[in-house]
Amino acid sequence: MGAPYGMAVDLQGNAWGTLQSANQIVKIAPTGEMTDYEIPTRGSAPSDIAVDASGRVWFLEFRSNKLGSFADGKFTEHDVPGEWSGLTGLTVAPDGAIWFGMLRAQTLGRFHNGEFKLFKIPRETARPYTLAADAEGNIWYADISGYVGMLAADAARK
C-alpha cells in the first residue's frame, strides 16, 4: 500500500481510502476485495476522503490544490481557487455541499452545484485542519493550534 491516509465508508459498506505516496484511491469491498484507482494528476498526494449520499467519492489533492471526485469509474478534478493553500479536512453537508479546510489561507471552502465559495475564518492565526457537518448544516472545524470553531448554517448557505 502507498501510505494510507483518509478513510470513508459508503452506503453499500465499501471502505474507501487514499494512498498518498501511490497517488491512488482504494476501494475495499465488504468481501475484502481491493481495487485501486490511479488519480489523473500525478503526485497530487490525496489526503482526506468522503462519500456523498449518491455514492460519489470525494477527496482532496493536497499537493495539486484540487478537489477530486470519483463516480461511475471516472475521475473529475476541480482546481480550488487561489494559491496553494494546504487543503485538509473534508466533509459532506446535509445539502450535499462539499466542505474542506484551507490550512494556509485561514479559510473554509465549499463546493456546491459546481461552484466554489470561500469563507474566511475571523481568527488571523486560524489553521482549520479537520471538519464535520452537523444535521443542521453547521460546519465545525478543529484548528491545528487547539481551537474549535463553527461556521453557522445560515452563513454557510450564503
Protein backbone atom coordinates (compact mmCIF):
# COMPACT_ATOMS: atom_id res chain seq x y z
CA MET A 1 0.00 0.00 0.00
CA GLY A 2 1.10 3.55 -0.65
CA ALA A 3 0.89 5.42 2.67
CA PRO A 4 -2.83 5.17 3.56
CA TYR A 5 -4.29 8.43 4.87
CA GLY A 6 -8.06 9.05 4.75
CA MET A 7 -10.94 6.58 5.10
CA ALA A 8 -14.68 6.72 4.45
CA VAL A 9 -17.44 4.13 4.07
CA ASP A 10 -20.25 4.26 1.52
CA LEU A 11 -23.84 3.09 2.00
CA GLN A 12 -23.03 -0.32 0.46
CA GLY A 13 -20.36 -0.97 3.10
CA ASN A 14 -17.37 -0.38 0.83
CA ALA A 15 -14.44 1.28 2.56
CA TRP A 16 -12.67 3.95 0.51
CA GLY A 17 -9.21 5.24 1.29
CA THR A 18 -6.49 7.45 -0.07
CA LEU A 19 -2.96 6.22 -0.72
CA GLN A 20 -0.78 9.32 -0.66
CA SER A 21 2.54 8.05 -1.98
CA ALA A 22 0.86 5.78 -4.56
CA ASN A 23 -1.32 8.66 -5.84
CA GLN A 24 -4.40 6.44 -5.69
CA ILE A 25 -7.72 5.91 -4.04
CA VAL A 26 -8.61 2.38 -3.00
CA LYS A 27 -11.94 0.62 -2.59
CA ILE A 28 -12.18 -2.28 -0.14
CA ALA A 29 -15.38 -4.29 -0.63
CA PRO A 30 -17.12 -5.96 2.33
CA THR A 31 -15.69 -9.24 0.99
CA GLY A 32 -12.15 -7.86 1.39
CA GLU A 33 -11.53 -7.46 -2.34
CA MET A 34 -9.40 -4.37 -3.02
CA THR A 35 -9.40 -2.24 -6.15
CA ASP A 36 -7.12 0.75 -6.59
CA TYR A 37 -7.63 3.69 -8.95
CA GLU A 38 -4.85 5.98 -10.17
CA ILE A 39 -5.64 9.69 -9.76
CA PRO A 40 -5.12 11.59 -13.06
CA THR A 41 -2.91 14.37 -11.63
CA ARG A 42 0.45 12.79 -10.86
CA GLY A 43 1.97 13.48 -7.45
CA SER A 44 -1.22 15.02 -6.08
CA ALA A 45 -0.90 13.34 -2.63
CA PRO A 46 -4.56 12.52 -1.93
CA SER A 47 -5.46 13.05 1.71
CA ASP A 48 -8.95 13.32 3.18
CA ILE A 49 -11.85 11.44 1.62
CA ALA A 50 -15.67 11.42 1.97
CA VAL A 51 -18.63 9.82 0.22
CA ASP A 52 -21.81 11.75 -0.53
CA ALA A 53 -25.38 10.38 -0.46
CA SER A 54 -25.25 9.49 -4.17
CA GLY A 55 -22.15 7.35 -3.64
CA ARG A 56 -19.73 9.79 -5.30
CA VAL A 57 -16.33 9.60 -3.63
CA TRP A 58 -14.71 12.99 -2.90
CA PHE A 59 -11.06 13.52 -1.97
CA LEU A 60 -8.55 16.31 -1.55
CA GLU A 61 -5.40 16.52 -3.65
CA PHE A 62 -3.05 18.14 -1.16
CA ARG A 63 -0.10 18.94 -3.43
CA SER A 64 -2.09 19.97 -6.50
CA ASN A 65 -4.67 22.12 -4.68
CA LYS A 66 -7.58 20.25 -6.24
CA LEU A 67 -10.85 18.73 -5.11
CA GLY A 68 -11.34 15.41 -6.83
CA SER A 69 -14.26 13.06 -7.17
CA PHE A 70 -14.78 9.53 -8.47
CA ALA A 71 -18.05 8.03 -9.69
CA ASP A 72 -19.07 5.51 -12.34
CA GLY A 73 -15.41 4.63 -12.94
CA LYS A 74 -14.44 8.21 -13.84
CA PHE A 75 -12.45 10.93 -12.11
CA THR A 76 -13.32 14.61 -12.09
CA GLU A 77 -10.89 17.20 -10.73
CA HIS A 78 -11.62 20.81 -9.78
CA ASP A 79 -8.93 23.45 -9.22
CA VAL A 80 -9.56 25.19 -5.91
CA PRO A 81 -9.46 28.98 -6.39
CA GLY A 82 -6.40 30.92 -5.26
CA GLU A 83 -2.85 29.93 -4.50
CA TRP A 84 -1.84 26.62 -2.96
CA SER A 85 -3.48 26.63 0.44
CA GLY A 86 -2.85 23.25 2.08
CA LEU A 87 -6.23 21.57 1.61
CA THR A 88 -7.21 19.45 4.58
CA GLY A 89 -10.33 18.14 6.28
CA LEU A 90 -13.31 17.11 4.18
CA THR A 91 -16.99 16.68 4.94
CA VAL A 92 -20.31 16.49 3.14
CA ALA A 93 -23.09 18.71 4.49
CA PRO A 94 -26.76 17.61 4.59
CA ASP A 95 -27.47 19.74 1.48
CA GLY A 96 -24.77 17.86 -0.47
CA ALA A 97 -22.20 20.66 -0.32
CA ILE A 98 -18.59 19.51 -0.05
CA TRP A 99 -16.59 21.37 2.60
CA PHE A 100 -12.84 21.50 3.18
CA GLY A 101 -10.27 23.47 5.14
CA MET A 102 -7.57 25.66 3.63
CA LEU A 103 -4.86 25.36 6.23
CA ARG A 104 -2.58 28.12 4.97
CA ALA A 105 -5.35 30.54 3.95
CA GLN A 106 -7.36 30.70 7.22
CA THR A 107 -10.38 29.75 5.14
CA LEU A 108 -13.10 27.14 4.75
CA GLY A 109 -14.08 26.19 1.22
CA ARG A 110 -17.42 24.97 -0.09
CA PHE A 111 -18.10 23.26 -3.42
CA HIS A 112 -21.79 23.09 -4.28
CA ASN A 113 -23.65 22.89 -7.59
CA GLY A 114 -20.36 23.13 -9.49
CA GLU A 115 -19.18 26.34 -7.79
CA PHE A 116 -16.65 27.19 -5.11
CA LYS A 117 -17.24 29.69 -2.34
CA LEU A 118 -14.62 30.60 0.25
CA PHE A 119 -15.32 31.65 3.84
CA LYS A 120 -12.53 33.47 5.67
CA ILE A 121 -12.21 32.46 9.32
CA PRO A 122 -12.21 35.54 11.60
CA ARG A 123 -9.08 34.50 13.55
CA GLU A 124 -5.88 35.69 11.81
CA THR A 125 -3.94 32.65 13.00
CA ALA A 126 -6.64 30.09 12.17
CA ARG A 127 -5.45 26.86 10.58
CA PRO A 128 -8.52 24.63 10.01
CA TYR A 129 -7.42 21.00 9.94
CA THR A 130 -10.47 18.74 10.28
CA LEU A 131 -14.14 19.42 9.51
CA ALA A 132 -17.54 17.97 10.29
CA ALA A 133 -21.07 18.97 9.31
CA ASP A 134 -23.94 18.52 11.76
CA ALA A 135 -27.57 17.74 10.90
CA GLU A 136 -28.49 21.45 10.74
CA GLY A 137 -25.68 22.24 8.29
CA ASN A 138 -23.34 23.97 10.72
CA ILE A 139 -19.72 23.41 9.71
CA TRP A 140 -17.42 22.60 12.62
CA TYR A 141 -13.66 22.76 12.33
CA ALA A 142 -10.73 21.91 14.53
CA ASP A 143 -7.86 24.34 14.33
CA ILE A 144 -4.36 22.88 14.44
CA SER A 145 -3.48 25.45 17.13
CA GLY A 146 -6.01 23.99 19.59
CA TYR A 147 -9.17 25.92 18.78
CA VAL A 148 -12.58 24.58 17.72
CA GLY A 149 -14.81 26.82 15.64
CA MET A 150 -18.11 26.73 13.81
CA LEU A 151 -19.48 28.39 10.72
CA ALA A 152 -23.23 28.68 11.38
CA ALA A 153 -25.54 27.04 8.86
CA ASP A 154 -27.13 30.38 7.91
CA ALA A 155 -23.72 31.83 6.99
CA ALA A 156 -22.65 28.56 5.32
CA ARG A 157 -25.59 28.69 2.88
CA LYS A 158 -24.82 32.21 1.62
